[in-house]
PDB file of N, CA and C in Angstrom:
ATOM      1  N   MET A   1      18.963  13.679  13.049  1.00  0.00           N
ATOM      2  CA  MET A   1      19.317  12.755  14.096  1.00  0.00           C
ATOM      3  C   MET A   1      19.987  13.527  15.219  1.00  0.00           C
ATOM      4  N   TYR A   2      19.602  13.247  16.423  1.00  0.00           N
ATOM      5  CA  TYR A   2      20.148  13.906  17.592  1.00  0.00           C
ATOM      6  C   TYR A   2      20.696  12.848  18.536  1.00  0.00           C
ATOM      7  N   LEU A   3      21.998  12.797  18.691  1.00  0.00           N
ATOM      8  CA  LEU A   3      22.667  11.815  19.559  1.00  0.00           C
ATOM      9  C   LEU A   3      22.327  10.378  19.181  1.00  0.00           C
ATOM     10  N   GLY A   4      22.216  10.116  17.904  1.00  0.00           N
ATOM     11  CA  GLY A   4      21.956   8.756  17.449  1.00  0.00           C
ATOM     12  C   GLY A   4      20.520   8.312  17.588  1.00  0.00           C
ATOM     13  N   LEU A   5      19.620   9.214  17.924  1.00  0.00           N
ATOM     14  CA  LEU A   5      18.211   8.867  18.098  1.00  0.00           C
ATOM     15  C   LEU A   5      17.362   9.606  17.069  1.00  0.00           C
ATOM     16  N   HIS A   6      16.212   9.058  16.767  1.00  0.00           N
ATOM     17  CA  HIS A   6      15.275   9.712  15.861  1.00  0.00           C
ATOM     18  C   HIS A   6      14.172  10.358  16.687  1.00  0.00           C
ATOM     19  N   TYR A   7      13.784  11.543  16.264  1.00  0.00           N
ATOM     20  CA  TYR A   7      12.606  12.161  16.853  1.00  0.00           C
ATOM     21  C   TYR A   7      11.374  11.429  16.321  1.00  0.00           C
ATOM     22  N   PRO A   8      10.273  11.443  17.074  1.00  0.00           N
ATOM     23  CA  PRO A   8       9.044  10.807  16.558  1.00  0.00           C
ATOM     24  C   PRO A   8       8.583  11.415  15.228  1.00  0.00           C
ATOM     25  N   SER A   9       8.819  12.701  15.048  1.00  0.00           N
ATOM     26  CA  SER A   9       8.418  13.326  13.779  1.00  0.00           C
ATOM     27  C   SER A   9       9.236  12.774  12.610  1.00  0.00           C
ATOM     28  N   ASP A  10      10.493  12.391  12.843  1.00  0.00           N
ATOM     29  CA  ASP A  10      11.302  11.769  11.790  1.00  0.00           C
ATOM     30  C   ASP A  10      10.663  10.467  11.332  1.00  0.00           C
ATOM     31  N   ILE A  11      10.224   9.690  12.282  1.00  0.00           N
ATOM     32  CA  ILE A  11       9.634   8.389  11.972  1.00  0.00           C
ATOM     33  C   ILE A  11       8.298   8.570  11.259  1.00  0.00           C
ATOM     34  N   LEU A  12       7.478   9.494  11.746  1.00  0.00           N
ATOM     35  CA  LEU A  12       6.175   9.713  11.132  1.00  0.00           C
ATOM     36  C   LEU A  12       6.310  10.279   9.716  1.00  0.00           C
ATOM     37  N   CYS A  13       7.247  11.192   9.520  1.00  0.00           N
ATOM     38  CA  CYS A  13       7.456  11.734   8.171  1.00  0.00           C
ATOM     39  C   CYS A  13       7.981  10.654   7.225  1.00  0.00           C
ATOM     40  N   GLY A  14       8.872   9.802   7.711  1.00  0.00           N
ATOM     41  CA  GLY A  14       9.369   8.702   6.886  1.00  0.00           C
ATOM     42  C   GLY A  14       8.262   7.722   6.539  1.00  0.00           C
ATOM     43  N   LEU A  15       7.403   7.445   7.510  1.00  0.00           N
ATOM     44  CA  LEU A  15       6.269   6.552   7.264  1.00  0.00           C
ATOM     45  C   LEU A  15       5.319   7.163   6.240  1.00  0.00           C
ATOM     46  N   ALA A  16       5.011   8.447   6.402  1.00  0.00           N
ATOM     47  CA  ALA A  16       4.109   9.118   5.462  1.00  0.00           C
ATOM     48  C   ALA A  16       4.716   9.159   4.066  1.00  0.00           C
ATOM     49  N   TRP A  17       6.009   9.448   3.981  1.00  0.00           N
ATOM     50  CA  TRP A  17       6.680   9.496   2.679  1.00  0.00           C
ATOM     51  C   TRP A  17       6.661   8.113   2.010  1.00  0.00           C
ATOM     52  N   GLY A  18       6.920   7.063   2.782  1.00  0.00           N
ATOM     53  CA  GLY A  18       6.910   5.710   2.235  1.00  0.00           C
ATOM     54  C   GLY A  18       5.541   5.281   1.754  1.00  0.00           C
ATOM     55  N   VAL A  19       4.513   5.589   2.538  1.00  0.00           N
ATOM     56  CA  VAL A  19       3.149   5.231   2.144  1.00  0.00           C
ATOM     57  C   VAL A  19       2.738   6.012   0.898  1.00  0.00           C
ATOM     58  N   ALA A  20       3.031   7.309   0.888  1.00  0.00           N
ATOM     59  CA  ALA A  20       2.647   8.135  -0.265  1.00  0.00           C
ATOM     60  C   ALA A  20       3.366   7.682  -1.532  1.00  0.00           C
ATOM     61  N   SER A  21       4.671   7.455  -1.451  1.00  0.00           N
ATOM     62  CA  SER A  21       5.402   7.038  -2.653  1.00  0.00           C
ATOM     63  C   SER A  21       4.979   5.643  -3.099  1.00  0.00           C
ATOM     64  N   GLY A  22       4.676   4.762  -2.161  1.00  0.00           N
ATOM     65  CA  GLY A  22       4.195   3.431  -2.528  1.00  0.00           C
ATOM     66  C   GLY A  22       2.841   3.476  -3.216  1.00  0.00           C
ATOM     67  N   MET A  23       1.931   4.302  -2.691  1.00  0.00           N
ATOM     68  CA  MET A  23       0.610   4.391  -3.304  1.00  0.00           C
ATOM     69  C   MET A  23       0.682   5.044  -4.685  1.00  0.00           C
ATOM     70  N   ILE A  24       1.512   6.071  -4.818  1.00  0.00           N
ATOM     71  CA  ILE A  24       1.659   6.714  -6.125  1.00  0.00           C
ATOM     72  C   ILE A  24       2.232   5.728  -7.138  1.00  0.00           C
ATOM     73  N   SER A  25       3.246   4.972  -6.729  1.00  0.00           N
ATOM     74  CA  SER A  25       3.832   3.974  -7.627  1.00  0.00           C
ATOM     75  C   SER A  25       2.808   2.919  -8.021  1.00  0.00           C
ATOM     76  N   TYR A  26       2.012   2.484  -7.064  1.00  0.00           N
ATOM     77  CA  TYR A  26       0.986   1.476  -7.315  1.00  0.00           C
ATOM     78  C   TYR A  26      -0.032   1.981  -8.339  1.00  0.00           C
ATOM     79  N   PHE A  27      -0.538   3.215  -8.155  1.00  0.00           N
ATOM     80  CA  PHE A  27      -1.541   3.744  -9.062  1.00  0.00           C
ATOM     81  C   PHE A  27      -0.961   4.046 -10.438  1.00  0.00           C
ATOM     82  N   VAL A  28       0.270   4.543 -10.504  1.00  0.00           N
ATOM     83  CA  VAL A  28       0.905   4.798 -11.795  1.00  0.00           C
ATOM     84  C   VAL A  28       1.099   3.485 -12.554  1.00  0.00           C
ATOM     85  N   PHE A  29       1.531   2.449 -11.845  1.00  0.00           N
ATOM     86  CA  PHE A  29       1.701   1.145 -12.486  1.00  0.00           C
ATOM     87  C   PHE A  29       0.382   0.649 -13.057  1.00  0.00           C
ATOM     88  N   HIS A  30      -0.696   0.756 -12.290  1.00  0.00           N
ATOM     89  CA  HIS A  30      -1.982   0.264 -12.781  1.00  0.00           C
ATOM     90  C   HIS A  30      -2.495   1.072 -13.959  1.00  0.00           C
ATOM     91  N   GLN A  31      -2.279   2.379 -13.945  1.00  0.00           N
ATOM     92  CA  GLN A  31      -2.695   3.184 -15.094  1.00  0.00           C
ATOM     93  C   GLN A  31      -1.919   2.773 -16.345  1.00  0.00           C
ATOM     94  N   PHE A  32      -0.632   2.562 -16.200  1.00  0.00           N
ATOM     95  CA  PHE A  32       0.192   2.120 -17.323  1.00  0.00           C
ATOM     96  C   PHE A  32      -0.221   0.724 -17.779  1.00  0.00           C
ATOM     97  N   TYR A  33      -0.490  -0.152 -16.829  1.00  0.00           N
ATOM     98  CA  TYR A  33      -0.878  -1.532 -17.143  1.00  0.00           C
ATOM     99  C   TYR A  33      -2.188  -1.559 -17.925  1.00  0.00           C
ATOM    100  N   TYR A  34      -3.171  -0.735 -17.525  1.00  0.00           N
ATOM    101  CA  TYR A  34      -4.456  -0.700 -18.226  1.00  0.00           C
ATOM    102  C   TYR A  34      -4.311  -0.159 -19.642  1.00  0.00           C
ATOM    103  N   LYS A  35      -3.390   0.782 -19.838  1.00  0.00           N
ATOM    104  CA  LYS A  35      -3.193   1.329 -21.184  1.00  0.00           C
ATOM    105  C   LYS A  35      -2.485   0.336 -22.085  1.00  0.00           C
ATOM    106  N   VAL A  36      -1.571  -0.449 -21.550  1.00  0.00           N
ATOM    107  CA  VAL A  36      -0.820  -1.413 -22.351  1.00  0.00           C
ATOM    108  C   VAL A  36      -1.688  -2.622 -22.688  1.00  0.00           C
ATOM    109  N   SER A  37      -2.399  -3.131 -21.711  1.00  0.00           N
ATOM    110  CA  SER A  37      -3.213  -4.332 -21.940  1.00  0.00           C
ATOM    111  C   SER A  37      -4.571  -4.171 -21.262  1.00  0.00           C
ATOM    112  N   PRO A  38      -5.503  -3.447 -21.892  1.00  0.00           N
ATOM    113  CA  PRO A  38      -6.796  -3.191 -21.253  1.00  0.00           C
ATOM    114  C   PRO A  38      -7.695  -4.421 -21.152  1.00  0.00           C
ATOM    115  N   LYS A  39      -7.448  -5.452 -21.943  1.00  0.00           N
ATOM    116  CA  LYS A  39      -8.335  -6.617 -21.923  1.00  0.00           C
ATOM    117  C   LYS A  39      -7.971  -7.607 -20.825  1.00  0.00           C
ATOM    118  N   ILE A  40      -6.780  -7.526 -20.304  1.00  0.00           N
ATOM    119  CA  ILE A  40      -6.370  -8.437 -19.236  1.00  0.00           C
ATOM    120  C   ILE A  40      -6.802  -7.823 -17.909  1.00  0.00           C
ATOM    121  N   ASN A  41      -7.737  -8.455 -17.209  1.00  0.00           N
ATOM    122  CA  ASN A  41      -8.231  -7.899 -15.959  1.00  0.00           C
ATOM    123  C   ASN A  41      -8.086  -8.867 -14.791  1.00  0.00           C
ATOM    124  N   TYR A  42      -7.188  -9.804 -14.902  1.00  0.00           N
ATOM    125  CA  TYR A  42      -6.975 -10.730 -13.815  1.00  0.00           C
ATOM    126  C   TYR A  42      -5.498 -10.743 -13.431  1.00  0.00           C
ATOM    127  N   ILE A  43      -5.220 -11.162 -12.223  1.00  0.00           N
ATOM    128  CA  ILE A  43      -3.852 -11.202 -11.724  1.00  0.00           C
ATOM    129  C   ILE A  43      -3.287 -12.604 -11.849  1.00  0.00           C
ATOM    130  N   SER A  44      -4.027 -13.594 -11.350  1.00  0.00           N
ATOM    131  CA  SER A  44      -3.547 -14.962 -11.370  1.00  0.00           C
ATOM    132  C   SER A  44      -4.734 -15.901 -11.449  1.00  0.00           C
ATOM    133  N   SER A  45      -4.559 -17.015 -12.124  1.00  0.00           N
ATOM    134  CA  SER A  45      -5.617 -18.019 -12.165  1.00  0.00           C
ATOM    135  C   SER A  45      -5.145 -19.304 -11.481  1.00  0.00           C
ATOM    136  N   GLN A  46      -4.224 -19.153 -10.566  1.00  0.00           N
ATOM    137  CA  GLN A  46      -3.680 -20.327  -9.897  1.00  0.00           C
ATOM    138  C   GLN A  46      -4.714 -20.981  -8.983  1.00  0.00           C
ATOM    139  N   TYR A  47      -5.481 -20.175  -8.237  1.00  0.00           N
ATOM    140  CA  TYR A  47      -6.416 -20.744  -7.272  1.00  0.00           C
ATOM    141  C   TYR A  47      -7.870 -20.671  -7.722  1.00  0.00           C
ATOM    142  N   THR A  48      -8.160 -19.884  -8.748  1.00  0.00           N
ATOM    143  CA  THR A  48      -9.521 -19.795  -9.262  1.00  0.00           C
ATOM    144  C   THR A  48      -9.501 -20.007 -10.767  1.00  0.00           C
ATOM    145  N   SER A  49     -10.623 -20.371 -11.310  1.00  0.00           N
ATOM    146  CA  SER A  49     -10.661 -20.622 -12.755  1.00  0.00           C
ATOM    147  C   SER A  49     -10.635 -19.323 -13.556  1.00  0.00           C
ATOM    148  N   THR A  50     -11.181 -18.235 -12.994  1.00  0.00           N
ATOM    149  CA  THR A  50     -11.230 -16.972 -13.729  1.00  0.00           C
ATOM    150  C   THR A  50     -10.146 -16.001 -13.307  1.00  0.00           C
ATOM    151  N   GLY A  51      -9.458 -16.245 -12.227  1.00  0.00           N
ATOM    152  CA  GLY A  51      -8.432 -15.329 -11.749  1.00  0.00           C
ATOM    153  C   GLY A  51      -9.017 -14.276 -10.837  1.00  0.00           C
ATOM    154  N   TYR A  52      -8.138 -13.470 -10.284  1.00  0.00           N
ATOM    155  CA  TYR A  52      -8.553 -12.403  -9.387  1.00  0.00           C
ATOM    156  C   TYR A  52      -8.704 -11.115 -10.177  1.00  0.00           C
ATOM    157  N   SER A  53      -9.755 -10.396  -9.896  1.00  0.00           N
ATOM    158  CA  SER A  53      -9.951  -9.109 -10.549  1.00  0.00           C
ATOM    159  C   SER A  53      -9.070  -8.061  -9.865  1.00  0.00           C
ATOM    160  N   ASN A  54      -8.750  -6.984 -10.568  1.00  0.00           N
ATOM    161  CA  ASN A  54      -7.943  -5.918  -9.986  1.00  0.00           C
ATOM    162  C   ASN A  54      -8.665  -5.244  -8.830  1.00  0.00           C
ATOM    163  N   VAL A  55      -9.990  -5.236  -8.864  1.00  0.00           N
ATOM    164  CA  VAL A  55     -10.760  -4.665  -7.765  1.00  0.00           C
ATOM    165  C   VAL A  55     -10.535  -5.482  -6.499  1.00  0.00           C
ATOM    166  N   ASP A  56     -10.461  -6.804  -6.616  1.00  0.00           N
ATOM    167  CA  ASP A  56     -10.194  -7.652  -5.456  1.00  0.00           C
ATOM    168  C   ASP A  56      -8.840  -7.321  -4.849  1.00  0.00           C
ATOM    169  N   ILE A  57      -7.844  -7.115  -5.681  1.00  0.00           N
ATOM    170  CA  ILE A  57      -6.505  -6.782  -5.197  1.00  0.00           C
ATOM    171  C   ILE A  57      -6.511  -5.417  -4.520  1.00  0.00           C
ATOM    172  N   ASP A  58      -7.258  -4.452  -5.079  1.00  0.00           N
ATOM    173  CA  ASP A  58      -7.350  -3.132  -4.468  1.00  0.00           C
ATOM    174  C   ASP A  58      -7.993  -3.203  -3.091  1.00  0.00           C
ATOM    175  N   ILE A  59      -9.011  -4.034  -2.939  1.00  0.00           N
ATOM    176  CA  ILE A  59      -9.672  -4.184  -1.641  1.00  0.00           C
ATOM    177  C   ILE A  59      -8.700  -4.761  -0.615  1.00  0.00           C
ATOM    178  N   VAL A  60      -7.938  -5.758  -1.001  1.00  0.00           N
ATOM    179  CA  VAL A  60      -6.959  -6.360  -0.090  1.00  0.00           C
ATOM    180  C   VAL A  60      -5.883  -5.343   0.285  1.00  0.00           C
ATOM    181  N   MET A  61      -5.405  -4.570  -0.680  1.00  0.00           N
ATOM    182  CA  MET A  61      -4.389  -3.552  -0.403  1.00  0.00           C
ATOM    183  C   MET A  61      -4.910  -2.494   0.564  1.00  0.00           C
ATOM    184  N   MET A  62      -6.141  -2.057   0.388  1.00  0.00           N
ATOM    185  CA  MET A  62      -6.705  -1.054   1.289  1.00  0.00           C
ATOM    186  C   MET A  62      -6.914  -1.635   2.694  1.00  0.00           C
ATOM    187  N   ALA A  63      -7.260  -2.907   2.783  1.00  0.00           N
ATOM    188  CA  ALA A  63      -7.392  -3.541   4.097  1.00  0.00           C
ATOM    189  C   ALA A  63      -6.045  -3.599   4.801  1.00  0.00           C
ATOM    190  N   ILE A  64      -4.989  -3.918   4.074  1.00  0.00           N
ATOM    191  CA  ILE A  64      -3.649  -3.975   4.666  1.00  0.00           C
ATOM    192  C   ILE A  64      -3.208  -2.589   5.128  1.00  0.00           C
ATOM    193  N   VAL A  65      -3.451  -1.572   4.306  1.00  0.00           N
ATOM    194  CA  VAL A  65      -3.086  -0.201   4.683  1.00  0.00           C
ATOM    195  C   VAL A  65      -3.889   0.238   5.905  1.00  0.00           C
ATOM    196  N   GLY A  66      -5.156  -0.114   5.961  1.00  0.00           N
ATOM    197  CA  GLY A  66      -5.986   0.233   7.113  1.00  0.00           C
ATOM    198  C   GLY A  66      -5.508  -0.421   8.394  1.00  0.00           C
ATOM    199  N   ILE A  67      -5.154  -1.692   8.318  1.00  0.00           N
ATOM    200  CA  ILE A  67      -4.648  -2.399   9.492  1.00  0.00           C
ATOM    201  C   ILE A  67      -3.323  -1.788   9.948  1.00  0.00           C
ATOM    202  N   LEU A  68      -2.467  -1.438   9.004  1.00  0.00           N
ATOM    203  CA  LEU A  68      -1.200  -0.792   9.341  1.00  0.00           C
ATOM    204  C   LEU A  68      -1.438   0.558  10.010  1.00  0.00           C
ATOM    205  N   ALA A  69      -2.382   1.333   9.504  1.00  0.00           N
ATOM    206  CA  ALA A  69      -2.690   2.632  10.098  1.00  0.00           C
ATOM    207  C   ALA A  69      -3.220   2.484  11.523  1.00  0.00           C
ATOM    208  N   ILE A  70      -4.089   1.508  11.740  1.00  0.00           N
ATOM    209  CA  ILE A  70      -4.608   1.260  13.083  1.00  0.00           C
ATOM    210  C   ILE A  70      -3.499   0.836  14.028  1.00  0.00           C
ATOM    211  N   ALA A  71      -2.590  -0.003  13.559  1.00  0.00           N
ATOM    212  CA  ALA A  71      -1.480  -0.445  14.394  1.00  0.00           C
ATOM    213  C   ALA A  71      -0.565   0.722  14.767  1.00  0.00           C
ATOM    214  N   VAL A  72      -0.298   1.608  13.819  1.00  0.00           N
ATOM    215  CA  VAL A  72       0.557   2.764  14.105  1.00  0.00           C
ATOM    216  C   VAL A  72      -0.123   3.680  15.092  1.00  0.00           C
ATOM    217  N   LEU A  73      -1.407   3.957  14.892  1.00  0.00           N
ATOM    218  CA  LEU A  73      -2.137   4.823  15.822  1.00  0.00           C
ATOM    219  C   LEU A  73      -2.216   4.207  17.213  1.00  0.00           C
ATOM    220  N   ALA A  74      -2.399   2.909  17.283  1.00  0.00           N
ATOM    221  CA  ALA A  74      -2.456   2.244  18.587  1.00  0.00           C
ATOM    222  C   ALA A  74      -1.107   2.287  19.289  1.00  0.00           C
ATOM    223  N   SER A  75      -0.026   2.162  18.528  1.00  0.00           N
ATOM    224  CA  SER A  75       1.295   2.191  19.154  1.00  0.00           C
ATOM    225  C   SER A  75       1.651   3.597  19.616  1.00  0.00           C
ATOM    226  N   LEU A  76       1.143   4.625  18.943  1.00  0.00           N
ATOM    227  CA  LEU A  76       1.414   5.999  19.373  1.00  0.00           C
ATOM    228  C   LEU A  76       0.641   6.364  20.626  1.00  0.00           C
ATOM    229  N   SER A  77      -0.500   5.772  20.837  1.00  0.00           N
ATOM    230  CA  SER A  77      -1.297   6.097  22.019  1.00  0.00           C
ATOM    231  C   SER A  77      -0.758   5.446  23.281  1.00  0.00           C
ATOM    232  N   VAL A  78       0.166   4.503  23.155  1.00  0.00           N
ATOM    233  CA  VAL A  78       0.752   3.840  24.322  1.00  0.00           C
ATOM    234  C   VAL A  78       1.632   4.812  25.090  1.00  0.00           C
ATOM    235  N   PHE A  79       2.324   5.683  24.378  1.00  0.00           N
ATOM    236  CA  PHE A  79       3.210   6.638  25.035  1.00  0.00           C
ATOM    237  C   PHE A  79       2.378   7.696  25.658  1.00  0.00           C
TER     238      PHE A  79
END
């Protein structure tokens, strides 16, 4: 920190660290979950009769990460 301000590299490194640690935690959790209960392949059956598959959740997560990446890149190009 310099005079109470963050350099852009501080913010980008923090963002990269947060995304990397979040993705690692997500994948480690799923690997552990599959080993503990391999027959359970749904998340919730609240809105559907069969529930959501883990692949559906992965697709949604990747879409959210992609939208976040586009938003960050768009905000950096403004400067």
